Amino acid sequence: MNPTYDFTGQVAFVTGASSGMGLATARAFAEAGAAVGLADIDEAALDAAVRQLTGEGHRALALTCDVADESQVAAAVDRTVEAFGRLDMAYNNAGIQIPPADAAEEGAEVFDRVHAINLRGIWASMKHELRHMRARGSGAIVNCSSLGGLVGLPGRASYHSSKHGVIGLTGSTALEYAPRGIRINAICPGTIDTPMVSDMIAKGELDRAEAEANQPIHRLGTADEIAQAVLWLCSPGAGFVVGVALPVDGGYVAQ
């Protein structure tokens, strides 16, 4: 049984919100009473997700947004505040995976693309979320790093460097904004059963049986389990938790 939270009257903003961990978290925020701005580059999937949420009686707003473009991020955050009147919580989840590559062969354009989304996208999201939160003197932000932000893996240098960067970004901003009433943390998901992971398995970039065996719990995680970790970090129950990079990985980094 998952814990329950009461976010009635509060507003959340989620990037990468049309599927997977982002959608599960946006739904969890909404079911806990929050109004939610859902941002994603996939307009069709985003609209379908928001139609479903609003059809169930939740307050939700679709925001087509490429997080690699800071102006689009700023507009999405501002529209959320304009629509719902405030911003209390954010889950900066948007990210991409790239195929494994030899570090000596990978093109600069691949490195730049993964960092533009996975790292600069979170930097831009936090920047514009903080503009609103600091005016109120309260808020909670959770950034999505990865198991890849805590360890290295052959063939994954560019992706892992982007996720390591998220942890550094989180720690520094957490220290800067904790005295102003804003808590910033990161989560580090292990291998989670999401559309992105399914696509990697289908392309032969990931072996499901091997991935399950590599996690001591011997299964993939679920998007709902990530959502519950995010909601806890945003809740008063985590009121003294600042600047952490929380593994949600079935025990992988404990090995």
C-alpha atoms as a PDB file:
ATOM      1  CA  MET A   1       0.000   0.000   0.000  1.00  0.00           C
ATOM      2  CA  ASN A   2       1.313   3.446  -0.940  1.00  0.00           C
ATOM      3  CA  PRO A   3       1.264   6.288   1.607  1.00  0.00           C
ATOM      4  CA  THR A   4      -1.289   9.014   1.022  1.00  0.00           C
ATOM      5  CA  TYR A   5      -0.590  12.720   0.706  1.00  0.00           C
ATOM      6  CA  ASP A   6      -2.807  15.767   0.773  1.00  0.00           C
ATOM      7  CA  PHE A   7      -1.625  18.376  -1.722  1.00  0.00           C
ATOM      8  CA  THR A   8      -5.015  20.083  -1.983  1.00  0.00           C
ATOM      9  CA  GLY A   9      -4.612  23.704  -3.036  1.00  0.00           C
ATOM     10  CA  GLN A  10      -1.051  23.159  -4.245  1.00  0.00           C
ATOM     11  CA  VAL A  11       0.373  23.200  -7.759  1.00  0.00           C
ATOM     12  CA  ALA A  12       2.919  20.858  -9.330  1.00  0.00           C
ATOM     13  CA  PHE A  13       4.868  21.069 -12.585  1.00  0.00           C
ATOM     14  CA  VAL A  14       6.223  17.925 -14.280  1.00  0.00           C
ATOM     15  CA  THR A  15       8.414  17.634 -17.370  1.00  0.00           C
ATOM     16  CA  GLY A  16       8.556  14.543 -19.547  1.00  0.00           C
ATOM     17  CA  ALA A  17       4.984  14.073 -18.386  1.00  0.00           C
ATOM     18  CA  SER A  18       3.282  12.302 -21.289  1.00  0.00           C
ATOM     19  CA  SER A  19       4.393   8.774 -20.353  1.00  0.00           C
ATOM     20  CA  GLY A  20       6.447   6.635 -18.004  1.00  0.00           C
ATOM     21  CA  MET A  21       7.747   8.078 -14.754  1.00  0.00           C
ATOM     22  CA  GLY A  22       6.613  11.608 -15.595  1.00  0.00           C
ATOM     23  CA  LEU A  23       3.019  10.652 -16.259  1.00  0.00           C
ATOM     24  CA  ALA A  24       2.879   8.370 -13.219  1.00  0.00           C
ATOM     25  CA  THR A  25       4.128  11.239 -11.055  1.00  0.00           C
ATOM     26  CA  ALA A  26       1.778  13.804 -12.581  1.00  0.00           C
ATOM     27  CA  ARG A  27      -1.113  11.412 -11.924  1.00  0.00           C
ATOM     28  CA  ALA A  28       0.037  10.819  -8.346  1.00  0.00           C
ATOM     29  CA  PHE A  29       0.211  14.568  -7.703  1.00  0.00           C
ATOM     30  CA  ALA A  30      -3.272  15.002  -9.177  1.00  0.00           C
ATOM     31  CA  GLU A  31      -4.743  12.134  -7.160  1.00  0.00           C
ATOM     32  CA  ALA A  32      -3.276  13.749  -4.041  1.00  0.00           C
ATOM     33  CA  GLY A  33      -5.243  16.912  -4.810  1.00  0.00           C
ATOM     34  CA  ALA A  34      -2.712  19.094  -6.634  1.00  0.00           C
ATOM     35  CA  ALA A  35      -3.292  20.963  -9.863  1.00  0.00           C
ATOM     36  CA  VAL A  36      -0.630  19.853 -12.343  1.00  0.00           C
ATOM     37  CA  GLY A  37       1.094  21.392 -15.330  1.00  0.00           C
ATOM     38  CA  LEU A  38       2.284  18.580 -17.598  1.00  0.00           C
ATOM     39  CA  ALA A  39       5.084  19.487 -20.011  1.00  0.00           C
ATOM     40  CA  ASP A  40       6.340  17.272 -22.838  1.00  0.00           C
ATOM     41  CA  ILE A  41       7.598  17.480 -26.406  1.00  0.00           C
ATOM     42  CA  ASP A  42       5.141  14.785 -27.587  1.00  0.00           C
ATOM     43  CA  GLU A  43       2.030  16.881 -28.104  1.00  0.00           C
ATOM     44  CA  ALA A  44      -0.335  14.050 -29.031  1.00  0.00           C
ATOM     45  CA  ALA A  45       0.600  11.837 -26.081  1.00  0.00           C
ATOM     46  CA  LEU A  46       0.525  14.847 -23.775  1.00  0.00           C
ATOM     47  CA  ASP A  47      -2.961  15.887 -24.870  1.00  0.00           C
ATOM     48  CA  ALA A  48      -4.231  12.324 -24.390  1.00  0.00           C
ATOM     49  CA  ALA A  49      -2.779  12.174 -20.885  1.00  0.00           C
ATOM     50  CA  VAL A  50      -4.302  15.496 -19.870  1.00  0.00           C
ATOM     51  CA  ARG A  51      -7.687  14.591 -21.349  1.00  0.00           C
ATOM     52  CA  GLN A  52      -7.701  11.458 -19.230  1.00  0.00           C
ATOM     53  CA  LEU A  53      -6.769  13.339 -16.058  1.00  0.00           C
ATOM     54  CA  THR A  54      -9.290  16.120 -16.578  1.00  0.00           C
ATOM     55  CA  GLY A  55     -11.926  13.546 -17.504  1.00  0.00           C
ATOM     56  CA  GLU A  56     -11.410  12.030 -14.066  1.00  0.00           C
ATOM     57  CA  GLY A  57     -12.003  15.397 -12.438  1.00  0.00           C
ATOM     58  CA  HIS A  58      -8.403  16.481 -11.898  1.00  0.00           C
ATOM     59  CA  ARG A  59      -7.002  19.921 -12.667  1.00  0.00           C
ATOM     60  CA  ALA A  60      -4.358  19.458 -15.348  1.00  0.00           C
ATOM     61  CA  LEU A  61      -2.805  21.582 -18.066  1.00  0.00           C
ATOM     62  CA  ALA A  62      -1.021  20.384 -21.236  1.00  0.00           C
ATOM     63  CA  LEU A  63       2.175  22.298 -22.042  1.00  0.00           C
ATOM     64  CA  THR A  64       4.004  21.374 -25.225  1.00  0.00           C
ATOM     65  CA  CYS A  65       7.653  21.994 -24.407  1.00  0.00           C
ATOM     66  CA  ASP A  66      11.131  21.050 -25.585  1.00  0.00           C
ATOM     67  CA  VAL A  67      13.261  21.367 -22.453  1.00  0.00           C
ATOM     68  CA  ALA A  68      16.366  21.925 -24.576  1.00  0.00           C
ATOM     69  CA  ASP A  69      14.880  25.355 -25.418  1.00  0.00           C
ATOM     70  CA  GLU A  70      14.982  27.584 -22.348  1.00  0.00           C
ATOM     71  CA  SER A  71      12.356  29.962 -23.721  1.00  0.00           C
ATOM     72  CA  GLN A  72       9.875  27.089 -24.026  1.00  0.00           C
ATOM     73  CA  VAL A  73      10.627  25.973 -20.474  1.00  0.00           C
ATOM     74  CA  ALA A  74      10.109  29.498 -19.149  1.00  0.00           C
ATOM     75  CA  ALA A  75       6.800  29.773 -20.992  1.00  0.00           C
ATOM     76  CA  ALA A  76       5.586  26.407 -19.682  1.00  0.00           C
ATOM     77  CA  VAL A  77       6.380  27.277 -16.070  1.00  0.00           C
ATOM     78  CA  ASP A  78       4.820  30.722 -16.427  1.00  0.00           C
ATOM     79  CA  ARG A  79       1.651  29.286 -17.981  1.00  0.00           C
ATOM     80  CA  THR A  80       1.313  26.852 -15.090  1.00  0.00           C
ATOM     81  CA  VAL A  81       1.484  29.715 -12.593  1.00  0.00           C
ATOM     82  CA  GLU A  82      -0.894  31.848 -14.658  1.00  0.00           C
ATOM     83  CA  ALA A  83      -3.429  29.010 -14.846  1.00  0.00           C
ATOM     84  CA  PHE A  84      -3.258  27.835 -11.240  1.00  0.00           C
ATOM     85  CA  GLY A  85      -1.980  30.852  -9.336  1.00  0.00           C
ATOM     86  CA  ARG A  86       1.208  29.468  -7.763  1.00  0.00           C
ATOM     87  CA  LEU A  87       3.926  26.804  -7.946  1.00  0.00           C
ATOM     88  CA  ASP A  88       4.698  24.529  -4.992  1.00  0.00           C
ATOM     89  CA  MET A  89       6.366  21.420  -6.397  1.00  0.00           C
ATOM     90  CA  ALA A  90       8.238  20.320  -9.496  1.00  0.00           C
ATOM     91  CA  TYR A  91       9.543  17.062 -10.870  1.00  0.00           C
ATOM     92  CA  ASN A  92      12.103  17.695 -13.604  1.00  0.00           C
ATOM     93  CA  ASN A  93      11.955  14.344 -15.342  1.00  0.00           C
ATOM     94  CA  ALA A  94      12.419  14.924 -19.076  1.00  0.00           C
ATOM     95  CA  GLY A  95      15.374  13.020 -20.445  1.00  0.00           C
ATOM     96  CA  ILE A  96      16.603  10.789 -23.228  1.00  0.00           C
ATOM     97  CA  GLN A  97      18.748   7.686 -23.486  1.00  0.00           C
ATOM     98  CA  ILE A  98      21.231   7.183 -26.322  1.00  0.00           C
ATOM     99  CA  PRO A  99      22.700   4.002 -27.809  1.00  0.00           C
ATOM    100  CA  PRO A 100      25.956   2.694 -26.306  1.00  0.00           C
ATOM    101  CA  ALA A 101      29.052   4.036 -28.012  1.00  0.00           C
ATOM    102  CA  ASP A 102      32.823   3.769 -27.832  1.00  0.00           C
ATOM    103  CA  ALA A 103      34.042   6.921 -26.079  1.00  0.00           C
ATOM    104  CA  ALA A 104      36.642   7.411 -28.798  1.00  0.00           C
ATOM    105  CA  GLU A 105      34.059   7.239 -31.584  1.00  0.00           C
ATOM    106  CA  GLU A 106      30.981   9.087 -30.346  1.00  0.00           C
ATOM    107  CA  GLY A 107      30.146  12.297 -32.182  1.00  0.00           C
ATOM    108  CA  ALA A 108      30.057  15.671 -30.486  1.00  0.00           C
ATOM    109  CA  GLU A 109      26.502  16.181 -31.723  1.00  0.00           C
ATOM    110  CA  VAL A 110      25.356  13.143 -29.706  1.00  0.00           C
ATOM    111  CA  PHE A 111      27.106  14.399 -26.574  1.00  0.00           C
ATOM    112  CA  ASP A 112      25.603  17.869 -27.046  1.00  0.00           C
ATOM    113  CA  ARG A 113      22.079  16.520 -27.604  1.00  0.00           C
ATOM    114  CA  VAL A 114      21.982  14.329 -24.507  1.00  0.00           C
ATOM    115  CA  HIS A 115      23.367  17.129 -22.342  1.00  0.00           C
ATOM    116  CA  ALA A 116      20.991  19.702 -23.829  1.00  0.00           C
ATOM    117  CA  ILE A 117      18.023  17.646 -22.666  1.00  0.00           C
ATOM    118  CA  ASN A 118      19.239  15.714 -19.631  1.00  0.00           C
ATOM    119  CA  LEU A 119      21.319  18.425 -17.975  1.00  0.00           C
ATOM    120  CA  ARG A 120      20.619  21.838 -19.481  1.00  0.00           C
ATOM    121  CA  GLY A 121      16.907  21.000 -19.539  1.00  0.00           C
ATOM    122  CA  ILE A 122      16.945  20.473 -15.791  1.00  0.00           C
ATOM    123  CA  TRP A 123      19.032  23.607 -15.290  1.00  0.00           C
ATOM    124  CA  ALA A 124      16.475  25.634 -17.271  1.00  0.00           C
ATOM    125  CA  SER A 125      13.526  24.032 -15.491  1.00  0.00           C
ATOM    126  CA  MET A 126      14.948  24.765 -12.051  1.00  0.00           C
ATOM    127  CA  LYS A 127      15.903  28.290 -13.026  1.00  0.00           C
ATOM    128  CA  HIS A 128      12.357  29.244 -13.938  1.00  0.00           C
ATOM    129  CA  GLU A 129      10.679  27.229 -11.186  1.00  0.00           C
ATOM    130  CA  LEU A 130      12.881  28.955  -8.622  1.00  0.00           C
ATOM    131  CA  ARG A 131      11.895  32.400  -9.895  1.00  0.00           C
ATOM    132  CA  HIS A 132       8.353  31.703  -8.745  1.00  0.00           C
ATOM    133  CA  MET A 133       9.133  29.683  -5.630  1.00  0.00           C
ATOM    134  CA  ARG A 134      11.590  32.156  -4.139  1.00  0.00           C
ATOM    135  CA  ALA A 135       8.938  34.879  -4.262  1.00  0.00           C
ATOM    136  CA  ARG A 136       6.793  32.723  -1.957  1.00  0.00           C
ATOM    137  CA  GLY A 137       9.693  31.485   0.161  1.00  0.00           C
ATOM    138  CA  SER A 138       8.655  27.855  -0.160  1.00  0.00           C
ATOM    139  CA  GLY A 139       8.694  24.925  -2.559  1.00  0.00           C
ATOM    140  CA  ALA A 140      10.139  21.521  -3.339  1.00  0.00           C
ATOM    141  CA  ILE A 141      11.955  20.431  -6.486  1.00  0.00           C
ATOM    142  CA  VAL A 142      12.966  16.913  -7.442  1.00  0.00           C
ATOM    143  CA  ASN A 143      15.357  16.394 -10.337  1.00  0.00           C
ATOM    144  CA  CYS A 144      15.583  13.085 -12.168  1.00  0.00           C
ATOM    145  CA  SER A 145      19.149  11.846 -12.289  1.00  0.00           C
ATOM    146  CA  SER A 146      19.691   8.103 -12.686  1.00  0.00           C
ATOM    147  CA  LEU A 147      21.567   5.116 -11.447  1.00  0.00           C
ATOM    148  CA  GLY A 148      23.883   6.431 -14.186  1.00  0.00           C
ATOM    149  CA  GLY A 149      24.494   9.508 -12.051  1.00  0.00           C
ATOM    150  CA  LEU A 150      26.030   7.378  -9.313  1.00  0.00           C
ATOM    151  CA  VAL A 151      28.104   4.818 -11.230  1.00  0.00           C
ATOM    152  CA  GLY A 152      29.948   4.434 -14.510  1.00  0.00           C
ATOM    153  CA  LEU A 153      29.236   1.927 -17.263  1.00  0.00           C
ATOM    154  CA  PRO A 154      31.240   1.096 -20.392  1.00  0.00           C
ATOM    155  CA  GLY A 155      29.728   2.592 -23.525  1.00  0.00           C
ATOM    156  CA  ARG A 156      27.601   5.089 -21.631  1.00  0.00           C
ATOM    157  CA  ALA A 157      30.005   7.960 -20.973  1.00  0.00           C
ATOM    158  CA  SER A 158      27.887  10.745 -22.462  1.00  0.00           C
ATOM    159  CA  TYR A 159      24.634   9.668 -20.828  1.00  0.00           C
ATOM    160  CA  HIS A 160      26.246   9.037 -17.452  1.00  0.00           C
ATOM    161  CA  SER A 161      28.081  12.362 -17.511  1.00  0.00           C
ATOM    162  CA  SER A 162      24.769  14.154 -18.067  1.00  0.00           C
ATOM    163  CA  LYS A 163      23.219  12.344 -15.108  1.00  0.00           C
ATOM    164  CA  HIS A 164      26.256  12.936 -12.872  1.00  0.00           C
ATOM    165  CA  GLY A 165      25.855  16.595 -13.770  1.00  0.00           C
ATOM    166  CA  VAL A 166      22.271  16.582 -12.518  1.00  0.00           C
ATOM    167  CA  ILE A 167      23.496  15.511  -9.079  1.00  0.00           C
ATOM    168  CA  GLY A 168      26.080  18.299  -8.967  1.00  0.00           C
ATOM    169  CA  LEU A 169      23.488  20.815 -10.102  1.00  0.00           C
ATOM    170  CA  THR A 170      21.061  19.559  -7.464  1.00  0.00           C
ATOM    171  CA  GLY A 171      23.539  19.726  -4.608  1.00  0.00           C
ATOM    172  CA  SER A 172      24.697  23.243  -5.375  1.00  0.00           C
ATOM    173  CA  THR A 173      21.240  24.718  -5.833  1.00  0.00           C
ATOM    174  CA  ALA A 174      19.976  22.847  -2.764  1.00  0.00           C
ATOM    175  CA  LEU A 175      22.562  24.601  -0.617  1.00  0.00           C
ATOM    176  CA  GLU A 176      21.781  27.940  -2.202  1.00  0.00           C
ATOM    177  CA  TYR A 177      18.022  27.730  -1.723  1.00  0.00           C
ATOM    178  CA  ALA A 178      17.566  25.787   1.524  1.00  0.00           C
ATOM    179  CA  PRO A 179      17.917  29.016   3.561  1.00  0.00           C
ATOM    180  CA  ARG A 180      15.143  30.491   1.391  1.00  0.00           C
ATOM    181  CA  GLY A 181      12.650  27.763   2.223  1.00  0.00           C
ATOM    182  CA  ILE A 182      13.013  25.678  -0.923  1.00  0.00           C
ATOM    183  CA  ARG A 183      14.127  22.054  -0.791  1.00  0.00           C
ATOM    184  CA  ILE A 184      15.858  20.546  -3.821  1.00  0.00           C
ATOM    185  CA  ASN A 185      16.690  16.858  -4.176  1.00  0.00           C
ATOM    186  CA  ALA A 186      17.330  14.290  -6.875  1.00  0.00           C
ATOM    187  CA  ILE A 187      16.202  10.741  -7.440  1.00  0.00           C
ATOM    188  CA  CYS A 188      18.325   8.118  -9.150  1.00  0.00           C
ATOM    189  CA  PRO A 189      16.082   5.469 -10.715  1.00  0.00           C
ATOM    190  CA  GLY A 190      17.483   2.079 -11.574  1.00  0.00           C
ATOM    191  CA  THR A 191      16.072   0.199 -14.547  1.00  0.00           C
ATOM    192  CA  ILE A 192      12.377   1.042 -14.578  1.00  0.00           C
ATOM    193  CA  ASP A 193       9.692  -0.581 -16.723  1.00  0.00           C
ATOM    194  CA  THR A 194       8.852   2.423 -18.899  1.00  0.00           C
ATOM    195  CA  PRO A 195       8.315   2.999 -22.640  1.00  0.00           C
ATOM    196  CA  MET A 196      11.927   4.218 -22.933  1.00  0.00           C
ATOM    197  CA  VAL A 197      13.284   1.010 -21.417  1.00  0.00           C
ATOM    198  CA  SER A 198      10.924  -1.083 -23.547  1.00  0.00           C
ATOM    199  CA  ASP A 199      12.299   0.692 -26.618  1.00  0.00           C
ATOM    200  CA  MET A 200      15.871  -0.054 -25.536  1.00  0.00           C
ATOM    201  CA  ILE A 201      14.983  -3.726 -25.084  1.00  0.00           C
ATOM    202  CA  ALA A 202      13.296  -3.848 -28.498  1.00  0.00           C
ATOM    203  CA  LYS A 203      16.381  -2.327 -30.148  1.00  0.00           C
ATOM    204  CA  GLY A 204      18.719  -4.798 -28.455  1.00  0.00           C
ATOM    205  CA  GLU A 205      20.397  -2.072 -26.394  1.00  0.00           C
ATOM    206  CA  LEU A 206      19.296  -3.689 -23.125  1.00  0.00           C
ATOM    207  CA  ASP A 207      18.671  -7.307 -22.147  1.00  0.00           C
ATOM    208  CA  ARG A 208      15.687  -7.519 -19.812  1.00  0.00           C
ATOM    209  CA  ALA A 209      16.784 -10.719 -18.070  1.00  0.00           C
ATOM    210  CA  GLU A 210      20.249  -9.292 -17.464  1.00  0.00           C
ATOM    211  CA  ALA A 211      18.802  -6.010 -16.186  1.00  0.00           C
ATOM    212  CA  GLU A 212      16.553  -7.863 -13.757  1.00  0.00           C
ATOM    213  CA  ALA A 213      19.441 -10.040 -12.566  1.00  0.00           C
ATOM    214  CA  ASN A 214      21.637  -6.975 -11.996  1.00  0.00           C
ATOM    215  CA  GLN A 215      19.170  -5.496  -9.510  1.00  0.00           C
ATOM    216  CA  PRO A 216      19.257  -7.364  -6.187  1.00  0.00           C
ATOM    217  CA  ILE A 217      15.463  -7.230  -6.000  1.00  0.00           C
ATOM    218  CA  HIS A 218      15.475  -9.254  -9.267  1.00  0.00           C
ATOM    219  CA  ARG A 219      12.881  -7.247 -11.137  1.00  0.00           C
ATOM    220  CA  LEU A 220      12.500  -3.950 -12.903  1.00  0.00           C
ATOM    221  CA  GLY A 221      11.075  -1.029 -10.994  1.00  0.00           C
ATOM    222  CA  THR A 222       7.727   0.516 -11.837  1.00  0.00           C
ATOM    223  CA  ALA A 223       6.868   4.083 -12.757  1.00  0.00           C
ATOM    224  CA  ASP A 224       4.513   4.226  -9.769  1.00  0.00           C
ATOM    225  CA  GLU A 225       7.395   3.403  -7.418  1.00  0.00           C
ATOM    226  CA  ILE A 226       9.317   6.380  -8.785  1.00  0.00           C
ATOM    227  CA  ALA A 227       6.237   8.577  -8.421  1.00  0.00           C
ATOM    228  CA  GLN A 228       5.910   7.625  -4.766  1.00  0.00           C
ATOM    229  CA  ALA A 229       9.542   8.545  -4.116  1.00  0.00           C
ATOM    230  CA  VAL A 230       8.992  11.943  -5.747  1.00  0.00           C
ATOM    231  CA  LEU A 231       5.835  12.644  -3.761  1.00  0.00           C
ATOM    232  CA  TRP A 232       7.579  11.763  -0.522  1.00  0.00           C
ATOM    233  CA  LEU A 233      10.459  14.119  -1.314  1.00  0.00           C
ATOM    234  CA  CYS A 234       7.925  16.884  -1.980  1.00  0.00           C
ATOM    235  CA  SER A 235       5.897  16.153   1.151  1.00  0.00           C
ATOM    236  CA  PRO A 236       6.269  17.512   4.689  1.00  0.00           C
ATOM    237  CA  GLY A 237       7.470  14.022   5.637  1.00  0.00           C
ATOM    238  CA  ALA A 238      10.747  14.856   3.889  1.00  0.00           C
ATOM    239  CA  GLY A 239      10.934  18.325   5.403  1.00  0.00           C
ATOM    240  CA  PHE A 240      14.514  17.831   6.626  1.00  0.00           C
ATOM    241  CA  VAL A 241      15.763  16.174   3.429  1.00  0.00           C
ATOM    242  CA  VAL A 242      17.901  18.543   1.365  1.00  0.00           C
ATOM    243  CA  GLY A 243      20.384  17.953  -1.439  1.00  0.00           C
ATOM    244  CA  VAL A 244      20.192  14.163  -1.550  1.00  0.00           C
ATOM    245  CA  ALA A 245      20.590  11.901  -4.582  1.00  0.00           C
ATOM    246  CA  LEU A 246      18.177   9.141  -3.599  1.00  0.00           C
ATOM    247  CA  PRO A 247      18.721   5.768  -5.289  1.00  0.00           C
ATOM    248  CA  VAL A 248      15.456   4.049  -6.220  1.00  0.00           C
ATOM    249  CA  ASP A 249      17.184   1.118  -7.815  1.00  0.00           C
ATOM    250  CA  GLY A 250      16.250  -2.182  -6.236  1.00  0.00           C
ATOM    251  CA  GLY A 251      19.539  -2.238  -4.323  1.00  0.00           C
ATOM    252  CA  TYR A 252      21.947  -1.859  -7.238  1.00  0.00           C
ATOM    253  CA  VAL A 253      24.321   0.664  -5.666  1.00  0.00           C
ATOM    254  CA  ALA A 254      24.303  -1.202  -2.341  1.00  0.00           C
ATOM    255  CA  GLN A 255      26.207  -4.085  -3.967  1.00  0.00           C
END
